[in-house]
N, C-alpha and C. Protein backbone atom coordinates (compact mmCIF):
# COMPACT_ATOMS: atom_id res chain seq x y z
N MET A 1 117.29 102.18 115.62
CA MET A 1 116.19 101.95 114.69
C MET A 1 115.32 100.80 115.19
N ASN A 2 113.99 101.00 115.11
CA ASN A 2 113.04 100.00 115.58
C ASN A 2 112.36 99.36 114.37
N ALA A 3 112.90 98.23 113.91
CA ALA A 3 112.37 97.57 112.72
C ALA A 3 110.94 97.10 112.93
N LYS A 4 110.63 96.67 114.15
CA LYS A 4 109.27 96.22 114.47
C LYS A 4 108.28 97.34 114.24
N LEU A 5 108.60 98.52 114.72
CA LEU A 5 107.70 99.67 114.59
C LEU A 5 107.57 100.09 113.13
N GLN A 6 108.68 100.07 112.40
CA GLN A 6 108.62 100.38 110.97
C GLN A 6 107.68 99.43 110.24
N ASN A 7 107.82 98.15 110.52
CA ASN A 7 106.99 97.16 109.85
C ASN A 7 105.52 97.27 110.25
N THR A 8 105.27 97.71 111.48
CA THR A 8 103.89 97.92 111.91
C THR A 8 103.27 99.07 111.14
N VAL A 9 104.04 100.12 110.89
CA VAL A 9 103.55 101.23 110.07
C VAL A 9 103.21 100.74 108.67
N VAL A 10 104.07 99.90 108.12
CA VAL A 10 103.81 99.33 106.79
C VAL A 10 102.50 98.54 106.79
N GLU A 11 102.29 97.75 107.83
CA GLU A 11 101.06 96.95 107.94
C GLU A 11 99.83 97.85 107.91
N TYR A 12 99.89 98.95 108.64
CA TYR A 12 98.73 99.84 108.68
C TYR A 12 98.57 100.63 107.39
N ALA A 13 99.66 100.92 106.73
CA ALA A 13 99.56 101.57 105.42
C ALA A 13 98.82 100.66 104.45
N HIS A 14 99.11 99.38 104.49
CA HIS A 14 98.42 98.42 103.63
C HIS A 14 96.95 98.29 104.02
N LYS A 15 96.66 98.37 105.32
CA LYS A 15 95.27 98.34 105.77
C LYS A 15 94.50 99.56 105.27
N VAL A 16 95.16 100.71 105.33
CA VAL A 16 94.53 101.95 104.82
C VAL A 16 94.18 101.79 103.35
N PHE A 17 95.09 101.21 102.58
CA PHE A 17 94.84 101.01 101.17
C PHE A 17 93.70 100.00 100.96
N ASP A 18 93.75 98.91 101.69
CA ASP A 18 92.75 97.85 101.53
C ASP A 18 91.35 98.32 101.90
N GLU A 19 91.25 99.26 102.82
CA GLU A 19 89.95 99.76 103.26
C GLU A 19 89.51 100.98 102.45
N ASN A 20 90.21 101.26 101.35
CA ASN A 20 89.87 102.38 100.46
C ASN A 20 89.93 103.74 101.17
N LEU A 21 90.82 103.85 102.13
CA LEU A 21 91.03 105.13 102.81
C LEU A 21 92.13 105.95 102.15
N PHE A 22 92.91 105.29 101.30
CA PHE A 22 94.01 105.96 100.59
C PHE A 22 93.44 106.67 99.36
N GLY A 23 93.87 107.89 99.12
CA GLY A 23 93.37 108.63 97.96
C GLY A 23 94.47 109.38 97.25
N SER A 24 94.08 110.27 96.37
CA SER A 24 95.05 110.97 95.53
C SER A 24 95.64 112.20 96.20
N ASN A 25 95.15 112.56 97.38
CA ASN A 25 95.67 113.73 98.08
C ASN A 25 96.78 113.32 99.06
N VAL A 26 97.03 114.13 100.05
CA VAL A 26 98.08 113.85 101.03
C VAL A 26 97.71 112.61 101.84
N ASN A 27 98.64 111.68 101.96
CA ASN A 27 98.45 110.49 102.78
C ASN A 27 99.75 110.22 103.54
N ASN A 28 99.69 110.27 104.85
CA ASN A 28 100.87 109.99 105.67
C ASN A 28 100.46 109.27 106.94
N ILE A 29 101.31 108.39 107.41
CA ILE A 29 101.13 107.74 108.70
C ILE A 29 102.40 107.94 109.50
N SER A 30 102.25 108.29 110.76
CA SER A 30 103.42 108.39 111.63
C SER A 30 103.12 107.74 112.96
N VAL A 31 104.16 107.35 113.66
CA VAL A 31 104.03 106.78 115.00
C VAL A 31 105.17 107.30 115.85
N ARG A 32 104.86 107.62 117.09
CA ARG A 32 105.90 108.11 118.00
C ARG A 32 106.86 106.97 118.31
N ALA A 33 108.15 107.21 118.10
CA ALA A 33 109.17 106.19 118.37
C ALA A 33 109.77 106.39 119.76
N THR A 34 110.11 107.63 120.09
CA THR A 34 110.63 107.99 121.40
C THR A 34 110.00 109.33 121.77
N GLU A 35 110.40 109.88 122.90
CA GLU A 35 109.87 111.18 123.30
C GLU A 35 110.25 112.26 122.28
N ASN A 36 111.32 112.02 121.51
CA ASN A 36 111.83 113.05 120.62
C ASN A 36 111.95 112.61 119.17
N SER A 37 111.24 111.55 118.80
CA SER A 37 111.34 111.11 117.41
C SER A 37 110.09 110.34 116.99
N MET A 38 109.94 110.19 115.68
CA MET A 38 108.80 109.46 115.13
C MET A 38 109.24 108.75 113.86
N TYR A 39 108.47 107.77 113.44
CA TYR A 39 108.60 107.19 112.12
C TYR A 39 107.44 107.71 111.29
N ILE A 40 107.72 108.10 110.07
CA ILE A 40 106.67 108.63 109.20
C ILE A 40 106.86 108.08 107.79
N THR A 41 105.76 107.85 107.10
CA THR A 41 105.84 107.39 105.72
C THR A 41 106.27 108.53 104.81
N LYS A 42 107.05 108.23 103.83
CA LYS A 42 107.45 109.24 102.86
C LYS A 42 106.23 109.72 102.09
N SER A 43 106.16 110.99 101.82
CA SER A 43 105.04 111.54 101.06
C SER A 43 105.14 111.11 99.60
N GLY A 44 103.97 110.90 98.99
CA GLY A 44 103.92 110.58 97.57
C GLY A 44 104.06 109.11 97.24
N VAL A 45 104.24 108.25 98.26
CA VAL A 45 104.37 106.81 98.01
C VAL A 45 102.99 106.16 98.12
N ASN A 46 102.61 105.37 97.13
CA ASN A 46 101.34 104.66 97.17
C ASN A 46 101.38 103.62 98.29
N PHE A 47 100.41 103.67 99.19
CA PHE A 47 100.42 102.76 100.33
C PHE A 47 100.34 101.29 99.89
N LYS A 48 99.82 101.04 98.73
CA LYS A 48 99.75 99.65 98.23
C LYS A 48 101.15 99.07 98.10
N ASP A 49 102.11 99.89 97.70
CA ASP A 49 103.47 99.43 97.43
C ASP A 49 104.45 99.81 98.53
N LEU A 50 103.98 100.44 99.59
CA LEU A 50 104.87 100.95 100.62
C LEU A 50 105.58 99.81 101.35
N ASN A 51 106.87 99.99 101.61
CA ASN A 51 107.65 99.01 102.37
C ASN A 51 108.46 99.72 103.44
N ALA A 52 109.23 98.97 104.22
CA ALA A 52 109.95 99.53 105.36
C ALA A 52 110.92 100.65 104.96
N GLU A 53 111.47 100.59 103.76
CA GLU A 53 112.39 101.63 103.31
C GLU A 53 111.69 102.97 103.12
N ASP A 54 110.36 102.94 103.01
CA ASP A 54 109.58 104.17 102.83
C ASP A 54 109.12 104.76 104.15
N VAL A 55 109.54 104.15 105.26
CA VAL A 55 109.20 104.64 106.60
C VAL A 55 110.47 105.18 107.23
N ILE A 56 110.55 106.48 107.40
CA ILE A 56 111.79 107.12 107.84
C ILE A 56 111.66 107.67 109.26
N GLU A 57 112.78 107.69 109.97
CA GLU A 57 112.79 108.25 111.32
C GLU A 57 113.10 109.73 111.24
N VAL A 58 112.30 110.52 111.96
CA VAL A 58 112.50 111.97 112.01
C VAL A 58 112.60 112.38 113.47
N PHE A 59 113.68 113.08 113.82
CA PHE A 59 113.85 113.59 115.17
C PHE A 59 113.24 114.98 115.27
N PHE A 60 112.49 115.21 116.34
CA PHE A 60 111.74 116.45 116.47
C PHE A 60 112.62 117.69 116.43
N ASP A 61 113.84 117.58 116.94
CA ASP A 61 114.73 118.74 116.96
C ASP A 61 115.73 118.73 115.80
N LYS A 62 115.54 117.82 114.85
CA LYS A 62 116.44 117.75 113.70
C LYS A 62 115.64 117.57 112.41
N THR A 63 114.54 118.31 112.30
CA THR A 63 113.68 118.16 111.12
C THR A 63 114.36 118.64 109.83
N ASP A 64 115.46 119.38 109.98
CA ASP A 64 116.18 119.83 108.78
C ASP A 64 116.80 118.65 108.03
N ARG A 65 116.89 117.50 108.69
CA ARG A 65 117.44 116.30 108.05
C ARG A 65 116.36 115.48 107.33
N CYS A 66 115.12 115.91 107.49
CA CYS A 66 114.02 115.20 106.84
C CYS A 66 114.04 115.47 105.34
N PRO A 67 113.78 114.48 104.49
CA PRO A 67 113.75 114.71 103.04
C PRO A 67 112.78 115.83 102.69
N SER A 68 113.15 116.66 101.76
CA SER A 68 112.36 117.84 101.42
C SER A 68 110.95 117.51 100.96
N ASP A 69 110.77 116.35 100.31
CA ASP A 69 109.45 116.02 99.80
C ASP A 69 108.49 115.56 100.89
N THR A 70 109.00 115.37 102.11
CA THR A 70 108.16 114.93 103.23
C THR A 70 108.17 115.96 104.35
N LEU A 71 108.99 116.98 104.24
CA LEU A 71 109.21 117.93 105.33
C LEU A 71 107.94 118.63 105.78
N LYS A 72 107.13 119.12 104.86
CA LYS A 72 105.92 119.87 105.22
C LYS A 72 105.00 119.01 106.09
N GLU A 73 104.76 117.79 105.67
CA GLU A 73 103.89 116.89 106.42
C GLU A 73 104.52 116.50 107.75
N ALA A 74 105.83 116.25 107.74
CA ALA A 74 106.53 115.86 108.96
C ALA A 74 106.44 116.95 110.03
N LEU A 75 106.58 118.19 109.63
CA LEU A 75 106.52 119.29 110.59
C LEU A 75 105.17 119.36 111.29
N MET A 76 104.10 119.09 110.54
CA MET A 76 102.77 119.09 111.14
C MET A 76 102.64 117.95 112.16
N HIS A 77 103.13 116.78 111.82
CA HIS A 77 103.06 115.65 112.74
C HIS A 77 103.87 115.93 114.00
N VAL A 78 105.04 116.53 113.84
CA VAL A 78 105.88 116.87 115.00
C VAL A 78 105.12 117.81 115.94
N LYS A 79 104.45 118.81 115.39
CA LYS A 79 103.70 119.75 116.22
C LYS A 79 102.60 119.04 117.01
N LEU A 80 101.93 118.09 116.37
CA LEU A 80 100.86 117.36 117.05
C LEU A 80 101.42 116.51 118.20
N TYR A 81 102.56 115.89 117.99
CA TYR A 81 103.17 115.09 119.05
C TYR A 81 103.64 115.97 120.21
N ARG A 82 104.18 117.10 119.88
CA ARG A 82 104.68 117.99 120.92
C ARG A 82 103.54 118.60 121.73
N GLU A 83 102.39 118.82 121.09
CA GLU A 83 101.26 119.43 121.79
C GLU A 83 100.57 118.46 122.73
N ASN A 84 100.60 117.18 122.40
CA ASN A 84 99.92 116.19 123.25
C ASN A 84 100.81 114.97 123.46
N PRO A 85 101.40 114.86 124.64
CA PRO A 85 102.30 113.73 124.91
C PRO A 85 101.60 112.37 124.89
N LEU A 86 100.28 112.35 124.93
CA LEU A 86 99.54 111.09 124.88
C LEU A 86 99.34 110.60 123.46
N THR A 87 99.57 111.47 122.48
CA THR A 87 99.41 111.07 121.09
C THR A 87 100.55 110.14 120.70
N GLY A 88 100.18 108.94 120.23
CA GLY A 88 101.20 107.97 119.85
C GLY A 88 101.24 107.70 118.36
N ALA A 89 100.20 108.17 117.64
CA ALA A 89 100.15 107.93 116.19
C ALA A 89 99.27 109.00 115.53
N VAL A 90 99.62 109.31 114.30
CA VAL A 90 98.86 110.29 113.51
C VAL A 90 98.69 109.72 112.11
N MET A 91 97.48 109.83 111.57
CA MET A 91 97.22 109.41 110.20
C MET A 91 96.52 110.53 109.43
N VAL A 92 96.96 110.74 108.20
CA VAL A 92 96.29 111.65 107.29
C VAL A 92 95.93 110.84 106.05
N THR A 93 94.63 110.70 105.81
CA THR A 93 94.15 109.89 104.70
C THR A 93 93.13 110.69 103.90
N SER A 94 92.82 110.23 102.70
CA SER A 94 91.91 111.00 101.84
C SER A 94 90.85 110.12 101.18
N PRO A 95 90.02 109.43 101.99
CA PRO A 95 88.95 108.62 101.42
C PRO A 95 87.86 109.50 100.79
N VAL A 96 87.16 108.93 99.84
CA VAL A 96 86.22 109.70 99.00
C VAL A 96 85.12 110.39 99.81
N PHE A 97 84.43 109.65 100.67
CA PHE A 97 83.26 110.22 101.34
C PHE A 97 83.66 111.29 102.35
N ALA A 98 84.69 111.03 103.14
CA ALA A 98 85.15 112.02 104.10
C ALA A 98 85.64 113.28 103.40
N LEU A 99 86.33 113.09 102.29
CA LEU A 99 86.85 114.24 101.54
C LEU A 99 85.69 115.08 100.99
N ALA A 100 84.64 114.42 100.54
CA ALA A 100 83.48 115.14 100.01
C ALA A 100 82.85 116.03 101.08
N VAL A 101 82.73 115.50 102.29
CA VAL A 101 82.17 116.29 103.39
C VAL A 101 83.13 117.42 103.78
N ALA A 102 84.42 117.09 103.87
CA ALA A 102 85.42 118.10 104.24
C ALA A 102 85.41 119.27 103.28
N ASN A 103 85.24 118.98 102.00
CA ASN A 103 85.26 120.05 101.00
C ASN A 103 84.01 120.92 101.05
N LYS A 104 82.97 120.45 101.73
CA LYS A 104 81.78 121.27 101.99
C LYS A 104 81.98 122.14 103.22
N LYS A 105 83.09 121.87 103.93
CA LYS A 105 83.46 122.62 105.14
C LYS A 105 82.38 122.55 106.22
N VAL A 106 81.82 121.36 106.39
CA VAL A 106 80.81 121.15 107.43
C VAL A 106 81.31 120.07 108.39
N SER A 107 80.62 119.93 109.50
CA SER A 107 80.95 118.89 110.47
C SER A 107 80.04 117.68 110.27
N ILE A 108 80.52 116.53 110.66
CA ILE A 108 79.70 115.33 110.62
C ILE A 108 79.06 115.16 112.00
N PRO A 109 77.73 115.15 112.07
CA PRO A 109 77.07 114.93 113.36
C PRO A 109 77.24 113.47 113.79
N PRO A 110 76.87 113.13 115.02
CA PRO A 110 77.04 111.74 115.49
C PRO A 110 75.98 110.82 114.89
N VAL A 111 76.13 110.53 113.60
CA VAL A 111 75.15 109.68 112.90
C VAL A 111 75.34 108.21 113.23
N LEU A 112 76.49 107.87 113.81
CA LEU A 112 76.78 106.48 114.19
C LEU A 112 77.31 106.44 115.62
N ASP A 113 76.89 105.42 116.37
CA ASP A 113 77.36 105.30 117.75
C ASP A 113 78.87 105.16 117.84
N ASP A 114 79.46 104.37 116.91
CA ASP A 114 80.90 104.15 117.03
C ASP A 114 81.70 105.41 116.73
N MET A 115 81.16 106.30 115.87
CA MET A 115 81.85 107.57 115.66
C MET A 115 81.79 108.42 116.92
N ALA A 116 80.61 108.46 117.56
CA ALA A 116 80.47 109.23 118.79
C ALA A 116 81.41 108.71 119.86
N GLN A 117 81.53 107.40 119.97
CA GLN A 117 82.39 106.80 121.00
C GLN A 117 83.86 107.09 120.75
N ILE A 118 84.33 106.83 119.54
CA ILE A 118 85.76 106.86 119.26
C ILE A 118 86.28 108.24 118.89
N VAL A 119 85.51 108.98 118.09
CA VAL A 119 85.98 110.29 117.60
C VAL A 119 85.52 111.42 118.49
N GLY A 120 84.24 111.40 118.87
CA GLY A 120 83.69 112.48 119.67
C GLY A 120 82.29 112.83 119.21
N PRO A 121 81.65 113.81 119.84
CA PRO A 121 80.26 114.17 119.53
C PRO A 121 80.04 114.59 118.08
N THR A 122 81.06 115.14 117.46
CA THR A 122 81.03 115.49 116.04
C THR A 122 82.42 115.31 115.48
N ALA A 123 82.50 115.27 114.15
CA ALA A 123 83.81 115.33 113.49
C ALA A 123 83.84 116.67 112.76
N ARG A 124 84.61 117.60 113.29
CA ARG A 124 84.65 118.94 112.73
C ARG A 124 85.55 119.02 111.51
N THR A 125 85.25 119.97 110.63
CA THR A 125 86.19 120.32 109.55
C THR A 125 86.97 121.54 110.01
N ALA A 126 88.28 121.44 109.99
CA ALA A 126 89.13 122.56 110.42
C ALA A 126 88.91 123.76 109.51
N LYS A 127 88.84 124.94 110.09
CA LYS A 127 88.66 126.15 109.28
C LYS A 127 89.90 126.45 108.45
N THR A 128 91.05 126.07 108.97
CA THR A 128 92.30 126.20 108.22
C THR A 128 93.10 124.92 108.43
N ASN A 129 93.95 124.59 107.48
CA ASN A 129 94.72 123.35 107.57
C ASN A 129 96.07 123.52 108.24
N ASP A 130 96.24 124.62 108.97
CA ASP A 130 97.48 124.81 109.73
C ASP A 130 97.26 124.32 111.16
N ILE A 131 98.30 124.38 111.97
CA ILE A 131 98.23 123.83 113.32
C ILE A 131 97.16 124.52 114.16
N SER A 132 96.94 125.81 113.93
CA SER A 132 95.93 126.54 114.70
C SER A 132 94.54 126.01 114.40
N GLY A 133 94.22 125.85 113.12
CA GLY A 133 92.92 125.33 112.73
C GLY A 133 92.71 123.90 113.16
N ILE A 134 93.76 123.09 113.04
CA ILE A 134 93.67 121.68 113.42
C ILE A 134 93.50 121.55 114.93
N ARG A 135 94.21 122.36 115.68
CA ARG A 135 94.11 122.31 117.14
C ARG A 135 92.67 122.56 117.60
N LYS A 136 92.04 123.55 116.99
CA LYS A 136 90.65 123.87 117.36
C LYS A 136 89.70 122.76 116.94
N ALA A 137 89.92 122.19 115.76
CA ALA A 137 89.03 121.13 115.27
C ALA A 137 89.19 119.85 116.09
N LEU A 138 90.36 119.61 116.64
CA LEU A 138 90.62 118.40 117.42
C LEU A 138 90.22 118.52 118.89
N LYS A 139 89.87 119.72 119.34
CA LYS A 139 89.55 119.91 120.75
C LYS A 139 88.42 118.97 121.16
N GLY A 140 88.70 118.09 122.11
CA GLY A 140 87.70 117.13 122.57
C GLY A 140 87.42 116.02 121.59
N ARG A 141 88.27 115.88 120.58
CA ARG A 141 88.07 114.88 119.52
C ARG A 141 89.39 114.13 119.28
N THR A 142 89.30 112.97 118.66
CA THR A 142 90.51 112.24 118.28
C THR A 142 90.85 112.44 116.81
N ALA A 143 89.93 113.06 116.06
CA ALA A 143 90.15 113.23 114.62
C ALA A 143 89.35 114.42 114.11
N CYS A 144 89.71 114.89 112.93
CA CYS A 144 88.97 115.98 112.29
C CYS A 144 89.07 115.83 110.78
N LEU A 145 88.34 116.67 110.08
CA LEU A 145 88.39 116.70 108.62
C LEU A 145 89.21 117.90 108.17
N LEU A 146 89.89 117.74 107.04
CA LEU A 146 90.68 118.82 106.45
C LEU A 146 90.23 118.99 105.00
N SER A 147 89.77 120.18 104.65
CA SER A 147 89.33 120.41 103.28
C SER A 147 90.51 120.23 102.32
N ASP A 148 90.22 119.66 101.17
CA ASP A 148 91.21 119.37 100.12
C ASP A 148 92.20 118.28 100.52
N ILE A 149 92.02 117.69 101.69
CA ILE A 149 92.91 116.61 102.14
C ILE A 149 92.10 115.38 102.53
N GLY A 150 91.25 115.49 103.53
CA GLY A 150 90.46 114.34 103.98
C GLY A 150 90.38 114.26 105.48
N ILE A 151 90.99 113.24 106.07
CA ILE A 151 90.90 112.99 107.51
C ILE A 151 92.27 113.12 108.16
N LEU A 152 92.32 113.76 109.32
CA LEU A 152 93.49 113.73 110.18
C LEU A 152 93.04 113.08 111.47
N SER A 153 93.61 111.93 111.80
CA SER A 153 93.23 111.23 113.02
C SER A 153 94.44 111.02 113.92
N THR A 154 94.18 110.97 115.21
CA THR A 154 95.23 110.73 116.19
C THR A 154 94.81 109.57 117.10
N GLY A 155 95.75 109.03 117.81
CA GLY A 155 95.42 107.95 118.74
C GLY A 155 96.61 107.62 119.62
N LYS A 156 96.34 106.89 120.66
CA LYS A 156 97.44 106.40 121.50
C LYS A 156 98.27 105.38 120.72
N THR A 157 97.59 104.68 119.80
CA THR A 157 98.24 103.65 118.99
C THR A 157 97.87 103.84 117.53
N LEU A 158 98.57 103.12 116.67
CA LEU A 158 98.22 103.11 115.25
C LEU A 158 96.82 102.54 115.06
N ASN A 159 96.48 101.53 115.84
CA ASN A 159 95.16 100.92 115.75
C ASN A 159 94.06 101.94 116.04
N GLU A 160 94.24 102.75 117.06
CA GLU A 160 93.21 103.73 117.43
C GLU A 160 93.07 104.81 116.36
N ALA A 161 94.20 105.29 115.83
CA ALA A 161 94.15 106.29 114.77
C ALA A 161 93.49 105.73 113.51
N PHE A 162 93.82 104.48 113.20
CA PHE A 162 93.24 103.81 112.04
C PHE A 162 91.73 103.64 112.20
N THR A 163 91.31 103.22 113.39
CA THR A 163 89.89 103.02 113.64
C THR A 163 89.12 104.33 113.52
N SER A 164 89.72 105.43 113.96
CA SER A 164 89.07 106.74 113.81
C SER A 164 88.86 107.08 112.33
N CYS A 165 89.84 106.78 111.51
CA CYS A 165 89.69 107.01 110.06
C CYS A 165 88.53 106.20 109.51
N LEU A 166 88.46 104.94 109.90
CA LEU A 166 87.39 104.06 109.42
C LEU A 166 86.01 104.59 109.79
N VAL A 167 85.82 104.94 111.05
CA VAL A 167 84.48 105.33 111.49
C VAL A 167 84.08 106.70 110.96
N ILE A 168 85.05 107.60 110.77
CA ILE A 168 84.69 108.90 110.18
C ILE A 168 84.26 108.73 108.73
N ASP A 169 84.98 107.92 107.98
CA ASP A 169 84.58 107.74 106.58
C ASP A 169 83.24 107.03 106.49
N LYS A 170 82.99 106.07 107.38
CA LYS A 170 81.70 105.38 107.39
C LYS A 170 80.59 106.35 107.76
N ALA A 171 80.87 107.24 108.72
CA ALA A 171 79.87 108.24 109.11
C ALA A 171 79.62 109.23 107.97
N ALA A 172 80.68 109.60 107.26
CA ALA A 172 80.52 110.51 106.12
C ALA A 172 79.67 109.86 105.03
N HIS A 173 79.92 108.59 104.78
CA HIS A 173 79.13 107.82 103.80
C HIS A 173 77.66 107.78 104.23
N THR A 174 77.42 107.50 105.50
CA THR A 174 76.06 107.45 106.03
C THR A 174 75.37 108.80 105.88
N LEU A 175 76.08 109.87 106.20
CA LEU A 175 75.51 111.21 106.10
C LEU A 175 75.12 111.54 104.67
N ILE A 176 76.01 111.26 103.74
CA ILE A 176 75.76 111.57 102.33
C ILE A 176 74.58 110.76 101.79
N MET A 177 74.56 109.48 102.09
CA MET A 177 73.49 108.62 101.59
C MET A 177 72.14 108.96 102.22
N SER A 178 72.16 109.33 103.49
CA SER A 178 70.90 109.65 104.17
C SER A 178 70.24 110.90 103.60
N GLN A 179 71.06 111.81 103.09
CA GLN A 179 70.51 113.04 102.53
C GLN A 179 69.63 112.77 101.32
N ALA A 180 69.87 111.64 100.68
CA ALA A 180 69.06 111.27 99.50
C ALA A 180 67.65 110.86 99.89
N VAL A 181 67.45 110.50 101.17
CA VAL A 181 66.13 110.08 101.61
C VAL A 181 65.59 111.00 102.72
N GLY A 182 66.08 112.21 102.73
CA GLY A 182 65.54 113.20 103.66
C GLY A 182 66.31 113.40 104.94
N GLY A 183 67.48 112.81 105.06
CA GLY A 183 68.31 113.03 106.24
C GLY A 183 68.22 111.90 107.24
N CYS A 184 68.95 112.04 108.33
CA CYS A 184 68.97 111.01 109.37
C CYS A 184 68.87 111.68 110.74
N LYS A 185 68.61 110.87 111.74
CA LYS A 185 68.50 111.38 113.11
C LYS A 185 69.75 111.01 113.88
N PRO A 186 70.63 111.98 114.15
CA PRO A 186 71.88 111.68 114.86
C PRO A 186 71.64 111.30 116.32
N VAL A 187 72.64 110.74 116.93
CA VAL A 187 72.63 110.50 118.37
C VAL A 187 72.51 111.85 119.07
N GLY A 188 71.76 111.93 120.15
CA GLY A 188 71.62 113.19 120.87
C GLY A 188 72.96 113.73 121.35
N LYS A 189 73.09 115.04 121.47
CA LYS A 189 74.36 115.67 121.83
C LYS A 189 74.90 115.17 123.16
N ILE A 190 74.03 115.12 124.17
CA ILE A 190 74.48 114.67 125.49
C ILE A 190 74.86 113.20 125.46
N GLY A 191 74.04 112.40 124.77
CA GLY A 191 74.34 110.98 124.66
C GLY A 191 75.65 110.73 123.95
N ALA A 192 75.90 111.48 122.86
CA ALA A 192 77.14 111.33 122.10
C ALA A 192 78.35 111.69 122.95
N LEU A 193 78.21 112.77 123.73
CA LEU A 193 79.31 113.19 124.59
C LEU A 193 79.61 112.15 125.66
N LEU A 194 78.56 111.60 126.25
CA LEU A 194 78.74 110.58 127.28
C LEU A 194 79.40 109.32 126.71
N GLU A 195 78.99 108.93 125.51
CA GLU A 195 79.58 107.76 124.88
C GLU A 195 81.08 107.95 124.68
N HIS A 196 81.46 109.16 124.26
CA HIS A 196 82.88 109.44 124.02
C HIS A 196 83.67 109.46 125.33
N VAL A 197 83.10 110.06 126.35
CA VAL A 197 83.78 110.13 127.65
C VAL A 197 84.00 108.73 128.22
N VAL A 198 82.98 107.89 128.17
CA VAL A 198 83.09 106.53 128.68
C VAL A 198 84.14 105.75 127.90
N TYR A 199 84.14 105.89 126.58
CA TYR A 199 85.12 105.19 125.75
C TYR A 199 86.54 105.62 126.12
N MET A 200 86.78 106.92 126.21
CA MET A 200 88.13 107.43 126.46
C MET A 200 88.62 107.06 127.86
N LYS A 201 87.73 107.09 128.84
CA LYS A 201 88.15 106.85 130.23
C LYS A 201 88.26 105.36 130.57
N LYS A 202 87.49 104.53 129.88
CA LYS A 202 87.49 103.12 130.21
C LYS A 202 88.11 102.26 129.10
N TYR A 203 87.38 102.09 128.04
CA TYR A 203 87.82 101.16 126.99
C TYR A 203 89.15 101.58 126.38
N SER A 204 89.27 102.83 125.96
CA SER A 204 90.49 103.27 125.28
C SER A 204 91.71 103.12 126.18
N LYS A 205 91.57 103.53 127.42
CA LYS A 205 92.71 103.52 128.33
C LYS A 205 93.27 102.12 128.53
N THR A 206 92.40 101.14 128.76
CA THR A 206 92.86 99.79 129.03
C THR A 206 93.24 99.04 127.76
N ASN A 207 92.38 99.11 126.76
CA ASN A 207 92.61 98.36 125.52
C ASN A 207 93.84 98.86 124.78
N GLN A 208 94.03 100.17 124.73
CA GLN A 208 95.14 100.73 123.96
C GLN A 208 96.49 100.45 124.60
N GLU A 209 96.52 100.27 125.90
CA GLU A 209 97.79 99.91 126.57
C GLU A 209 98.28 98.56 126.05
N GLU A 210 97.36 97.62 125.88
CA GLU A 210 97.73 96.30 125.37
C GLU A 210 98.16 96.38 123.90
N LEU A 211 97.42 97.17 123.12
CA LEU A 211 97.75 97.32 121.70
C LEU A 211 99.10 98.03 121.52
N LEU A 212 99.38 98.97 122.41
CA LEU A 212 100.64 99.68 122.34
C LEU A 212 101.82 98.73 122.48
N LYS A 213 101.71 97.81 123.43
CA LYS A 213 102.76 96.81 123.61
C LYS A 213 102.89 95.93 122.38
N ALA A 214 101.75 95.54 121.83
CA ALA A 214 101.75 94.64 120.67
C ALA A 214 102.38 95.29 119.44
N GLU A 215 102.16 96.59 119.28
CA GLU A 215 102.71 97.29 118.12
C GLU A 215 104.21 97.49 118.22
N ARG A 216 104.74 97.50 119.44
CA ARG A 216 106.14 97.86 119.63
C ARG A 216 107.03 96.69 120.00
N GLU A 217 106.46 95.59 120.43
CA GLU A 217 107.30 94.49 120.93
C GLU A 217 107.33 93.32 119.95
C-alpha cells in the first residue's frame, strides 16, 4: 500500500471540490499505482469529506474484489489504463458549465489558448459513454465530455488530469457566456493543433516527469 499516493489523491479530491468541479453526478479520481493496479476514490463520497479510507486499491486482474458500488466506474478506469500505458491518472468530474455543454452533445472549440495546449484542438463530447465512445472522443486529446456526467480527463499525473478539468470547464464557461454577445472567435484549427503538439512534446514531457516524482515520493 502506498500511503503517499492515497493522500495525494485525497489532496486532489479536495482541490476538485474547492474549484467547483465536483457535482451531483459521477465523480471519481484514480491514479496508476503499479503496472497492474490503481487507487480510486469510492463512488458516492463527497470530495469535500473524502479521506484516505475512501481511496481503495483495485488490481486490474482482480476487479471482482472491488466494492460493488464502485465497480462500474473502476472497470472504465481500468480499461483506460490498459489502453494507454502512458496514462497515469484519470478524473471524472461534473462541473456545471462543462456538463451543460456535454448535455447539448456538442464539442468545445479552442476558445482558449490553454485549452488548445493542454486538451487539444477541441474538447469532444463522446457519442456514447462506453469505452468505444470515450476512445473516439479522446483520440488526439487528453480529455473529453460525457453527456449526463461531465468531464473525463486523463494525464501522466494527477496534476495534468486536474488541469485538463480546469481548462475545459473554463472553456465551457467562456463558450456559454460568449453566446450571449454573439459568439467568440476560436483559435484557428492549425494553430490550436500546433499548440497542443508543442505542449505534449516539450512542456508536458519534461514538467510531468518532475510532478510524477513529487506525487509518488
